[in-house]
Amino acid sequence: MFDNLVESSSHKKDIERKGSFIIVTAVIYLVLLVAFFVAGIYWYDNHLGEMELELTTLVAPVPVPQAKQP
């Protein structure tokens, strides 16, 4: 019952073990986030052609006549 008291022994190995699990989990999540981010960019680029945006649909601004300087 009193084998694992904080005062009785060091838990350094247990803390190192838990720390390694946390680091491995964080690395896995980071890799997944980067993979989803890159996949989202590629997915978005694949659908840009379906928007049918043409240069002919863009209208140039009307030129404004310049006032003569005295």
C-alpha atoms as a PDB file:
ATOM      1  CA  MET A   1       0.000   0.000   0.000  1.00  0.00           C
ATOM      2  CA  PHE A   2       2.816   2.418   0.823  1.00  0.00           C
ATOM      3  CA  ASP A   3       5.234   1.195  -1.883  1.00  0.00           C
ATOM      4  CA  ASN A   4       4.844   4.139  -4.276  1.00  0.00           C
ATOM      5  CA  LEU A   5       4.766   7.149  -1.995  1.00  0.00           C
ATOM      6  CA  VAL A   6       6.337  10.294  -3.399  1.00  0.00           C
ATOM      7  CA  GLU A   7       8.630  10.509  -0.412  1.00  0.00           C
ATOM      8  CA  SER A   8       9.799   6.898  -0.612  1.00  0.00           C
ATOM      9  CA  SER A   9      11.250   6.641  -4.135  1.00  0.00           C
ATOM     10  CA  SER A  10      12.036   8.596  -7.266  1.00  0.00           C
ATOM     11  CA  HIS A  11       9.627   8.419 -10.191  1.00  0.00           C
ATOM     12  CA  LYS A  12      12.119   9.699 -12.723  1.00  0.00           C
ATOM     13  CA  LYS A  13      11.771   6.715 -15.074  1.00  0.00           C
ATOM     14  CA  ASP A  14       7.985   6.909 -14.970  1.00  0.00           C
ATOM     15  CA  ILE A  15       8.045  10.631 -15.774  1.00  0.00           C
ATOM     16  CA  GLU A  16      10.501  10.071 -18.652  1.00  0.00           C
ATOM     17  CA  ARG A  17       8.266   7.335 -20.032  1.00  0.00           C
ATOM     18  CA  LYS A  18       5.181   9.527 -19.901  1.00  0.00           C
ATOM     19  CA  GLY A  19       7.119  12.397 -21.455  1.00  0.00           C
ATOM     20  CA  SER A  20       8.183  10.250 -24.379  1.00  0.00           C
ATOM     21  CA  PHE A  21       4.557   9.238 -25.001  1.00  0.00           C
ATOM     22  CA  ILE A  22       3.519  12.897 -25.008  1.00  0.00           C
ATOM     23  CA  ILE A  23       6.304  13.854 -27.411  1.00  0.00           C
ATOM     24  CA  VAL A  24       5.506  10.972 -29.791  1.00  0.00           C
ATOM     25  CA  THR A  25       1.807  11.872 -29.722  1.00  0.00           C
ATOM     26  CA  ALA A  26       2.570  15.536 -30.428  1.00  0.00           C
ATOM     27  CA  VAL A  27       4.811  14.576 -33.368  1.00  0.00           C
ATOM     28  CA  ILE A  28       2.094  12.338 -34.814  1.00  0.00           C
ATOM     29  CA  TYR A  29      -0.484  15.125 -34.530  1.00  0.00           C
ATOM     30  CA  LEU A  30       1.935  17.602 -36.115  1.00  0.00           C
ATOM     31  CA  VAL A  31       2.592  15.278 -39.065  1.00  0.00           C
ATOM     32  CA  LEU A  32      -1.155  14.740 -39.555  1.00  0.00           C
ATOM     33  CA  LEU A  33      -1.870  18.480 -39.425  1.00  0.00           C
ATOM     34  CA  VAL A  34       0.836  19.230 -41.996  1.00  0.00           C
ATOM     35  CA  ALA A  35      -0.418  16.398 -44.222  1.00  0.00           C
ATOM     36  CA  PHE A  36      -4.006  17.674 -44.093  1.00  0.00           C
ATOM     37  CA  PHE A  37      -2.829  21.239 -44.745  1.00  0.00           C
ATOM     38  CA  VAL A  38      -0.831  20.205 -47.830  1.00  0.00           C
ATOM     39  CA  ALA A  39      -3.648  17.940 -49.053  1.00  0.00           C
ATOM     40  CA  GLY A  40      -6.084  20.840 -48.681  1.00  0.00           C
ATOM     41  CA  ILE A  41      -3.875  23.064 -50.806  1.00  0.00           C
ATOM     42  CA  TYR A  42      -3.661  20.413 -53.539  1.00  0.00           C
ATOM     43  CA  TRP A  43      -7.408  19.777 -53.352  1.00  0.00           C
ATOM     44  CA  TYR A  44      -8.152  23.494 -53.677  1.00  0.00           C
ATOM     45  CA  ASP A  45      -5.789  23.872 -56.664  1.00  0.00           C
ATOM     46  CA  ASN A  46      -7.531  20.982 -58.431  1.00  0.00           C
ATOM     47  CA  HIS A  47     -10.875  22.777 -58.250  1.00  0.00           C
ATOM     48  CA  LEU A  48      -9.706  26.200 -59.414  1.00  0.00           C
ATOM     49  CA  GLY A  49     -10.364  25.303 -63.072  1.00  0.00           C
ATOM     50  CA  GLU A  50     -14.045  24.636 -62.371  1.00  0.00           C
ATOM     51  CA  MET A  51     -14.724  28.265 -61.445  1.00  0.00           C
ATOM     52  CA  GLU A  52     -14.754  29.309 -65.141  1.00  0.00           C
ATOM     53  CA  LEU A  53     -13.121  32.646 -64.491  1.00  0.00           C
ATOM     54  CA  GLU A  54     -11.988  34.196 -67.747  1.00  0.00           C
ATOM     55  CA  LEU A  55     -10.077  37.335 -68.471  1.00  0.00           C
ATOM     56  CA  THR A  56     -12.782  38.483 -70.883  1.00  0.00           C
ATOM     57  CA  THR A  57     -15.262  38.756 -68.038  1.00  0.00           C
ATOM     58  CA  LEU A  58     -13.115  41.310 -66.242  1.00  0.00           C
ATOM     59  CA  VAL A  59     -13.885  44.919 -67.162  1.00  0.00           C
ATOM     60  CA  ALA A  60     -11.173  47.530 -67.452  1.00  0.00           C
ATOM     61  CA  PRO A  61     -11.781  50.881 -65.747  1.00  0.00           C
ATOM     62  CA  VAL A  62     -12.996  53.805 -67.858  1.00  0.00           C
ATOM     63  CA  PRO A  63     -10.161  56.238 -68.630  1.00  0.00           C
ATOM     64  CA  VAL A  64     -10.612  59.655 -66.986  1.00  0.00           C
ATOM     65  CA  PRO A  65      -9.687  62.678 -69.145  1.00  0.00           C
ATOM     66  CA  GLN A  66      -6.914  64.743 -67.621  1.00  0.00           C
ATOM     67  CA  ALA A  67      -7.506  68.449 -66.974  1.00  0.00           C
ATOM     68  CA  LYS A  68      -5.228  70.890 -68.792  1.00  0.00           C
ATOM     69  CA  GLN A  69      -2.693  72.583 -66.626  1.00  0.00           C
ATOM     70  CA  PRO A  70      -2.436  76.411 -66.856  1.00  0.00           C
END
